[in-house]
Structures are given as structure tokens and as C-alpha cells.
PDB file of all heavy atoms in Angstrom:
ATOM      1  N   VAL A   1       4.734   1.248 -12.864  1.00  0.00           N
ATOM      2  CA  VAL A   1       4.061   2.442 -13.213  1.00  0.00           C
ATOM      3  C   VAL A   1       3.343   3.026 -11.923  1.00  0.00           C
ATOM      4  O   VAL A   1       3.500   4.222 -11.659  1.00  0.00           O
ATOM      5  CB  VAL A   1       3.088   2.319 -14.358  1.00  0.00           C
ATOM      6  CG1 VAL A   1       2.340   3.671 -14.668  1.00  0.00           C
ATOM      7  CG2 VAL A   1       3.995   1.947 -15.715  1.00  0.00           C
ATOM      8  N   ARG A   2       2.556   2.229 -11.213  1.00  0.00           N
ATOM      9  CA  ARG A   2       1.837   2.586 -10.023  1.00  0.00           C
ATOM     10  C   ARG A   2       2.893   2.946  -8.983  1.00  0.00           C
ATOM     11  O   ARG A   2       2.573   4.034  -8.271  1.00  0.00           O
ATOM     12  CB  ARG A   2       0.896   1.543  -9.417  1.00  0.00           C
ATOM     13  CG  ARG A   2      -0.231   1.164 -10.394  1.00  0.00           C
ATOM     14  CD  ARG A   2      -1.041   0.012  -9.828  1.00  0.00           C
ATOM     15  NE  ARG A   2      -1.613   0.380  -8.630  1.00  0.00           N
ATOM     16  CZ  ARG A   2      -2.075  -0.444  -7.741  1.00  0.00           C
ATOM     17  NH1 ARG A   2      -1.964  -1.716  -7.900  1.00  0.00           N
ATOM     18  NH2 ARG A   2      -2.574  -0.087  -6.521  1.00  0.00           N
ATOM     19  N   SER A   3       3.974   2.374  -8.857  1.00  0.00           N
ATOM     20  CA  SER A   3       5.022   2.669  -7.890  1.00  0.00           C
ATOM     21  C   SER A   3       5.621   4.134  -8.081  1.00  0.00           C
ATOM     22  O   SER A   3       5.804   4.897  -7.199  1.00  0.00           O
ATOM     23  CB  SER A   3       6.060   1.650  -7.797  1.00  0.00           C
ATOM     24  OG  SER A   3       5.536   0.452  -7.338  1.00  0.00           O
ATOM     25  N   ILE A   4       5.875   4.294  -9.484  1.00  0.00           N
ATOM     26  CA  ILE A   4       6.607   5.555  -9.833  1.00  0.00           C
ATOM     27  C   ILE A   4       5.635   6.762  -9.551  1.00  0.00           C
ATOM     28  O   ILE A   4       5.935   7.795  -9.051  1.00  0.00           O
ATOM     29  CB  ILE A   4       7.067   5.569 -11.241  1.00  0.00           C
ATOM     30  CG1 ILE A   4       8.211   4.578 -11.418  1.00  0.00           C
ATOM     31  CG2 ILE A   4       7.370   6.957 -11.730  1.00  0.00           C
ATOM     32  CD1 ILE A   4       8.741   4.255 -12.789  1.00  0.00           C
ATOM     33  N   LEU A   5       4.383   6.618 -10.050  1.00  0.00           N
ATOM     34  CA  LEU A   5       3.283   7.609  -9.882  1.00  0.00           C
ATOM     35  C   LEU A   5       2.708   7.707  -8.584  1.00  0.00           C
ATOM     36  O   LEU A   5       2.054   8.613  -8.366  1.00  0.00           O
ATOM     37  CB  LEU A   5       2.231   7.367 -10.866  1.00  0.00           C
ATOM     38  CG  LEU A   5       2.703   7.326 -12.391  1.00  0.00           C
ATOM     39  CD1 LEU A   5       1.536   7.019 -13.295  1.00  0.00           C
ATOM     40  CD2 LEU A   5       3.294   8.786 -12.828  1.00  0.00           C
ATOM     41  N   ARG A   6       2.987   6.759  -7.613  1.00  0.00           N
ATOM     42  CA  ARG A   6       2.421   6.760  -6.276  1.00  0.00           C
ATOM     43  C   ARG A   6       0.903   6.927  -6.279  1.00  0.00           C
ATOM     44  O   ARG A   6       0.459   7.969  -5.778  1.00  0.00           O
ATOM     45  CB  ARG A   6       3.165   7.742  -5.432  1.00  0.00           C
ATOM     46  CG  ARG A   6       4.592   7.680  -5.290  1.00  0.00           C
ATOM     47  CD  ARG A   6       5.058   6.469  -4.489  1.00  0.00           C
ATOM     48  NE  ARG A   6       4.526   6.613  -3.161  1.00  0.00           N
ATOM     49  CZ  ARG A   6       4.289   5.504  -2.340  1.00  0.00           C
ATOM     50  NH1 ARG A   6       4.404   4.352  -2.738  1.00  0.00           N
ATOM     51  NH2 ARG A   6       3.705   5.578  -1.195  1.00  0.00           N
ATOM     52  N   THR A   7       0.237   6.154  -7.117  1.00  0.00           N
ATOM     53  CA  THR A   7      -1.167   6.336  -7.336  1.00  0.00           C
ATOM     54  C   THR A   7      -2.067   6.060  -5.886  1.00  0.00           C
ATOM     55  O   THR A   7      -1.511   5.483  -5.082  1.00  0.00           O
ATOM     56  CB  THR A   7      -1.729   5.330  -8.335  1.00  0.00           C
ATOM     57  OG1 THR A   7      -1.492   3.987  -7.790  1.00  0.00           O
ATOM     58  CG2 THR A   7      -1.019   5.433  -9.728  1.00  0.00           C
ATOM     59  N   PRO A   8      -3.165   6.653  -5.981  1.00  0.00           N
ATOM     60  CA  PRO A   8      -4.010   6.483  -4.632  1.00  0.00           C
ATOM     61  C   PRO A   8      -4.201   4.897  -4.433  1.00  0.00           C
ATOM     62  O   PRO A   8      -4.250   4.424  -3.279  1.00  0.00           O
ATOM     63  CB  PRO A   8      -5.229   7.095  -4.915  1.00  0.00           C
ATOM     64  CG  PRO A   8      -5.019   8.199  -6.010  1.00  0.00           C
ATOM     65  CD  PRO A   8      -3.875   7.545  -6.925  1.00  0.00           C
ATOM     66  N   GLY A   9      -4.452   4.040  -5.404  1.00  0.00           N
ATOM     67  CA  GLY A   9      -4.552   2.709  -5.280  1.00  0.00           C
ATOM     68  C   GLY A   9      -3.352   2.065  -4.678  1.00  0.00           C
ATOM     69  O   GLY A   9      -3.579   1.104  -3.765  1.00  0.00           O
ATOM     70  N   LEU A  10      -2.248   2.424  -5.108  1.00  0.00           N
ATOM     71  CA  LEU A  10      -1.034   1.908  -4.556  1.00  0.00           C
ATOM     72  C   LEU A  10      -0.772   2.310  -3.108  1.00  0.00           C
ATOM     73  O   LEU A  10      -0.531   1.528  -2.267  1.00  0.00           O
ATOM     74  CB  LEU A  10       0.202   2.339  -5.338  1.00  0.00           C
ATOM     75  CG  LEU A  10       1.544   1.889  -4.761  1.00  0.00           C
ATOM     76  CD1 LEU A  10       1.778   0.387  -5.053  1.00  0.00           C
ATOM     77  CD2 LEU A  10       2.769   2.668  -5.295  1.00  0.00           C
ATOM     78  N   ARG A  11      -1.084   3.567  -2.717  1.00  0.00           N
ATOM     79  CA  ARG A  11      -0.922   3.964  -1.379  1.00  0.00           C
ATOM     80  C   ARG A  11      -1.883   3.279  -0.428  1.00  0.00           C
ATOM     81  O   ARG A  11      -1.637   2.860   0.598  1.00  0.00           O
ATOM     82  CB  ARG A  11      -1.105   5.540  -1.295  1.00  0.00           C
ATOM     83  CG  ARG A  11       0.019   6.380  -1.927  1.00  0.00           C
ATOM     84  CD  ARG A  11      -0.074   7.683  -1.510  1.00  0.00           C
ATOM     85  NE  ARG A  11      -1.236   8.411  -1.872  1.00  0.00           N
ATOM     86  CZ  ARG A  11      -1.443   9.097  -3.030  1.00  0.00           C
ATOM     87  NH1 ARG A  11      -0.579   9.146  -3.940  1.00  0.00           N
ATOM     88  NH2 ARG A  11      -2.635   9.697  -3.206  1.00  0.00           N
ATOM     89  N   LYS A  12      -3.151   2.919  -0.965  1.00  0.00           N
ATOM     90  CA  LYS A  12      -4.136   2.263  -0.270  1.00  0.00           C
ATOM     91  C   LYS A  12      -3.631   0.795   0.009  1.00  0.00           C
ATOM     92  O   LYS A  12      -3.815   0.228   1.132  1.00  0.00           O
ATOM     93  CB  LYS A  12      -5.513   2.233  -0.957  1.00  0.00           C
ATOM     94  CG  LYS A  12      -6.565   1.504  -0.242  1.00  0.00           C
ATOM     95  CD  LYS A  12      -7.936   1.539  -0.896  1.00  0.00           C
ATOM     96  CE  LYS A  12      -8.929   0.693  -0.194  1.00  0.00           C
ATOM     97  NZ  LYS A  12     -10.188   0.643  -0.923  1.00  0.00           N
ATOM     98  N   GLU A  13      -3.077   0.205  -1.130  1.00  0.00           N
ATOM     99  CA  GLU A  13      -2.574  -1.234  -0.933  1.00  0.00           C
ATOM    100  C   GLU A  13      -1.501  -1.264   0.025  1.00  0.00           C
ATOM    101  O   GLU A  13      -1.415  -2.146   0.858  1.00  0.00           O
ATOM    102  CB  GLU A  13      -2.159  -1.696  -2.287  1.00  0.00           C
ATOM    103  CG  GLU A  13      -1.565  -3.086  -2.191  1.00  0.00           C
ATOM    104  CD  GLU A  13      -1.251  -3.600  -3.598  1.00  0.00           C
ATOM    105  OE1 GLU A  13      -0.492  -2.847  -4.354  1.00  0.00           O
ATOM    106  OE2 GLU A  13      -1.622  -4.789  -3.930  1.00  0.00           O
ATOM    107  N   GLU A  14      -0.572  -0.248   0.047  1.00  0.00           N
ATOM    108  CA  GLU A  14       0.641  -0.225   0.935  1.00  0.00           C
ATOM    109  C   GLU A  14       0.069  -0.055   2.410  1.00  0.00           C
ATOM    110  O   GLU A  14       0.569  -0.785   3.455  1.00  0.00           O
ATOM    111  CB  GLU A  14       1.535   0.923   0.747  1.00  0.00           C
ATOM    112  CG  GLU A  14       2.312   0.662  -0.609  1.00  0.00           C
ATOM    113  CD  GLU A  14       3.240   1.809  -0.942  1.00  0.00           C
ATOM    114  OE1 GLU A  14       2.986   2.967  -0.561  1.00  0.00           O
ATOM    115  OE2 GLU A  14       4.173   1.597  -1.765  1.00  0.00           O
ATOM    116  N   ARG A  15      -0.891   0.856   2.696  1.00  0.00           N
ATOM    117  CA  ARG A  15      -1.483   0.960   4.037  1.00  0.00           C
ATOM    118  C   ARG A  15      -2.146  -0.444   4.403  1.00  0.00           C
ATOM    119  O   ARG A  15      -1.906  -0.741   5.686  1.00  0.00           O
ATOM    120  CB  ARG A  15      -2.565   1.972   4.012  1.00  0.00           C
ATOM    121  CG  ARG A  15      -1.991   3.464   4.056  1.00  0.00           C
ATOM    122  CD  ARG A  15      -3.067   4.399   4.419  1.00  0.00           C
ATOM    123  NE  ARG A  15      -4.325   4.358   3.615  1.00  0.00           N
ATOM    124  CZ  ARG A  15      -4.411   5.103   2.331  1.00  0.00           C
ATOM    125  NH1 ARG A  15      -3.280   5.785   1.908  1.00  0.00           N
ATOM    126  NH2 ARG A  15      -5.450   4.985   1.687  1.00  0.00           N
ATOM    127  N   GLY A  16      -2.795  -0.950   3.548  1.00  0.00           N
ATOM    128  CA  GLY A  16      -3.429  -2.320   3.994  1.00  0.00           C
ATOM    129  C   GLY A  16      -2.302  -3.375   4.271  1.00  0.00           C
ATOM    130  O   GLY A  16      -2.526  -4.225   5.143  1.00  0.00           O
ATOM    131  N   ALA A  17      -1.288  -3.488   3.527  1.00  0.00           N
ATOM    132  CA  ALA A  17      -0.141  -4.313   3.748  1.00  0.00           C
ATOM    133  C   ALA A  17       0.460  -4.091   5.169  1.00  0.00           C
ATOM    134  O   ALA A  17       0.738  -5.078   5.880  1.00  0.00           O
ATOM    135  CB  ALA A  17       0.798  -4.241   2.580  1.00  0.00           C
ATOM    136  N   ARG A  18       0.686  -2.888   5.459  1.00  0.00           N
ATOM    137  CA  ARG A  18       1.281  -2.452   6.792  1.00  0.00           C
ATOM    138  C   ARG A  18       0.388  -2.900   7.825  1.00  0.00           C
ATOM    139  O   ARG A  18       0.937  -3.442   8.883  1.00  0.00           O
ATOM    140  CB  ARG A  18       1.494  -0.924   6.909  1.00  0.00           C
ATOM    141  CG  ARG A  18       2.774  -0.577   6.139  1.00  0.00           C
ATOM    142  CD  ARG A  18       3.128   0.926   6.202  1.00  0.00           C
ATOM    143  NE  ARG A  18       4.381   1.251   5.588  1.00  0.00           N
ATOM    144  CZ  ARG A  18       5.604   0.933   6.092  1.00  0.00           C
ATOM    145  NH1 ARG A  18       5.634   0.463   7.414  1.00  0.00           N
ATOM    146  NH2 ARG A  18       6.663   1.227   5.591  1.00  0.00           N
ATOM    147  N   GLU A  19      -0.845  -2.763   7.816  1.00  0.00           N
ATOM    148  CA  GLU A  19      -1.870  -3.070   8.775  1.00  0.00           C
ATOM    149  C   GLU A  19      -1.787  -4.658   8.994  1.00  0.00           C
ATOM    150  O   GLU A  19      -1.783  -5.250  10.073  1.00  0.00           O
ATOM    151  CB  GLU A  19      -3.285  -2.575   8.476  1.00  0.00           C
ATOM    152  CG  GLU A  19      -4.214  -2.953   9.635  1.00  0.00           C
ATOM    153  CD  GLU A  19      -3.632  -2.620  11.063  1.00  0.00           C
ATOM    154  OE1 GLU A  19      -3.069  -1.448  11.213  1.00  0.00           O
ATOM    155  OE2 GLU A  19      -3.910  -3.381  11.972  1.00  0.00           O
ATOM    156  N   ARG A  20      -1.841  -5.390   7.803  1.00  0.00           N
ATOM    157  CA  ARG A  20      -1.842  -6.839   7.831  1.00  0.00           C
ATOM    158  C   ARG A  20      -0.563  -7.313   8.469  1.00  0.00           C
ATOM    159  O   ARG A  20      -0.558  -8.251   9.257  1.00  0.00           O
ATOM    160  CB  ARG A  20      -1.982  -7.376   6.337  1.00  0.00           C
ATOM    161  CG  ARG A  20      -1.878  -8.965   6.213  1.00  0.00           C
ATOM    162  CD  ARG A  20      -3.073  -9.539   6.950  1.00  0.00           C
ATOM    163  NE  ARG A  20      -3.027 -10.977   6.662  1.00  0.00           N
ATOM    164  CZ  ARG A  20      -3.415 -11.872   7.698  1.00  0.00           C
ATOM    165  NH1 ARG A  20      -3.766 -11.568   8.859  1.00  0.00           N
ATOM    166  NH2 ARG A  20      -3.128 -13.158   7.508  1.00  0.00           N
ATOM    167  N   ALA A  21       0.562  -6.741   8.145  1.00  0.00           N
ATOM    168  CA  ALA A  21       1.911  -7.203   8.739  1.00  0.00           C
ATOM    169  C   ALA A  21       1.833  -6.943  10.309  1.00  0.00           C
ATOM    170  O   ALA A  21       2.326  -7.787  11.055  1.00  0.00           O
ATOM    171  CB  ALA A  21       3.041  -6.220   8.068  1.00  0.00           C
ATOM    172  N   ARG A  22       1.196  -5.839  10.785  1.00  0.00           N
ATOM    173  CA  ARG A  22       1.085  -5.570  12.250  1.00  0.00           C
ATOM    174  C   ARG A  22       0.251  -6.626  12.727  1.00  0.00           C
ATOM    175  O   ARG A  22       0.574  -7.261  13.960  1.00  0.00           O
ATOM    176  CB  ARG A  22       0.561  -4.172  12.458  1.00  0.00           C
ATOM    177  CG  ARG A  22       1.585  -3.167  12.234  1.00  0.00           C
ATOM    178  CD  ARG A  22       1.039  -1.733  12.690  1.00  0.00           C
ATOM    179  NE  ARG A  22       1.906  -0.729  12.229  1.00  0.00           N
ATOM    180  CZ  ARG A  22       1.858   0.088  11.121  1.00  0.00           C
ATOM    181  NH1 ARG A  22       1.013  -0.091  10.366  1.00  0.00           N
ATOM    182  NH2 ARG A  22       2.748   0.928  10.970  1.00  0.00           N
ATOM    183  N   GLU A  23      -0.865  -7.040  12.138  1.00  0.00           N
ATOM    184  CA  GLU A  23      -1.682  -8.075  12.662  1.00  0.00           C
ATOM    185  C   GLU A  23      -0.892  -9.429  12.745  1.00  0.00           C
ATOM    186  O   GLU A  23      -1.100 -10.169  13.711  1.00  0.00           O
ATOM    187  CB  GLU A  23      -2.846  -8.272  11.649  1.00  0.00           C
ATOM    188  CG  GLU A  23      -3.786  -7.233  11.820  1.00  0.00           C
ATOM    189  CD  GLU A  23      -4.963  -7.395  10.696  1.00  0.00           C
ATOM    190  OE1 GLU A  23      -5.070  -8.518  10.068  1.00  0.00           O
ATOM    191  OE2 GLU A  23      -5.805  -6.526  10.612  1.00  0.00           O
ATOM    192  N   LEU A  24      -0.023  -9.734  11.661  1.00  0.00           N
ATOM    193  CA  LEU A  24       0.693 -10.942  11.742  1.00  0.00           C
ATOM    194  C   LEU A  24       1.721 -11.002  12.938  1.00  0.00           C
ATOM    195  O   LEU A  24       1.855 -12.025  13.512  1.00  0.00           O
ATOM    196  CB  LEU A  24       1.373 -11.240  10.468  1.00  0.00           C
ATOM    197  CG  LEU A  24       0.467 -11.644   9.316  1.00  0.00           C
ATOM    198  CD1 LEU A  24       1.101 -11.507   7.961  1.00  0.00           C
ATOM    199  CD2 LEU A  24      -0.080 -12.951   9.568  1.00  0.00           C
TER     200      LEU A  24
END
């Protein structure tokens, strides 16, 4: 549901994941 609706919480989680991936 969050993925379909592209909720603000999901977008924040995705940004955090991308930053963590860059750190790794």
C-alpha cells in the first residue's frame, strides 16, 4: 500500500536506504 501510494514515509525510507547504500 505504501509503495502504491508513494507515501511521505516511504519516500523518506527510500532516501535513507540510498544514503546508507552509498555509505556501504
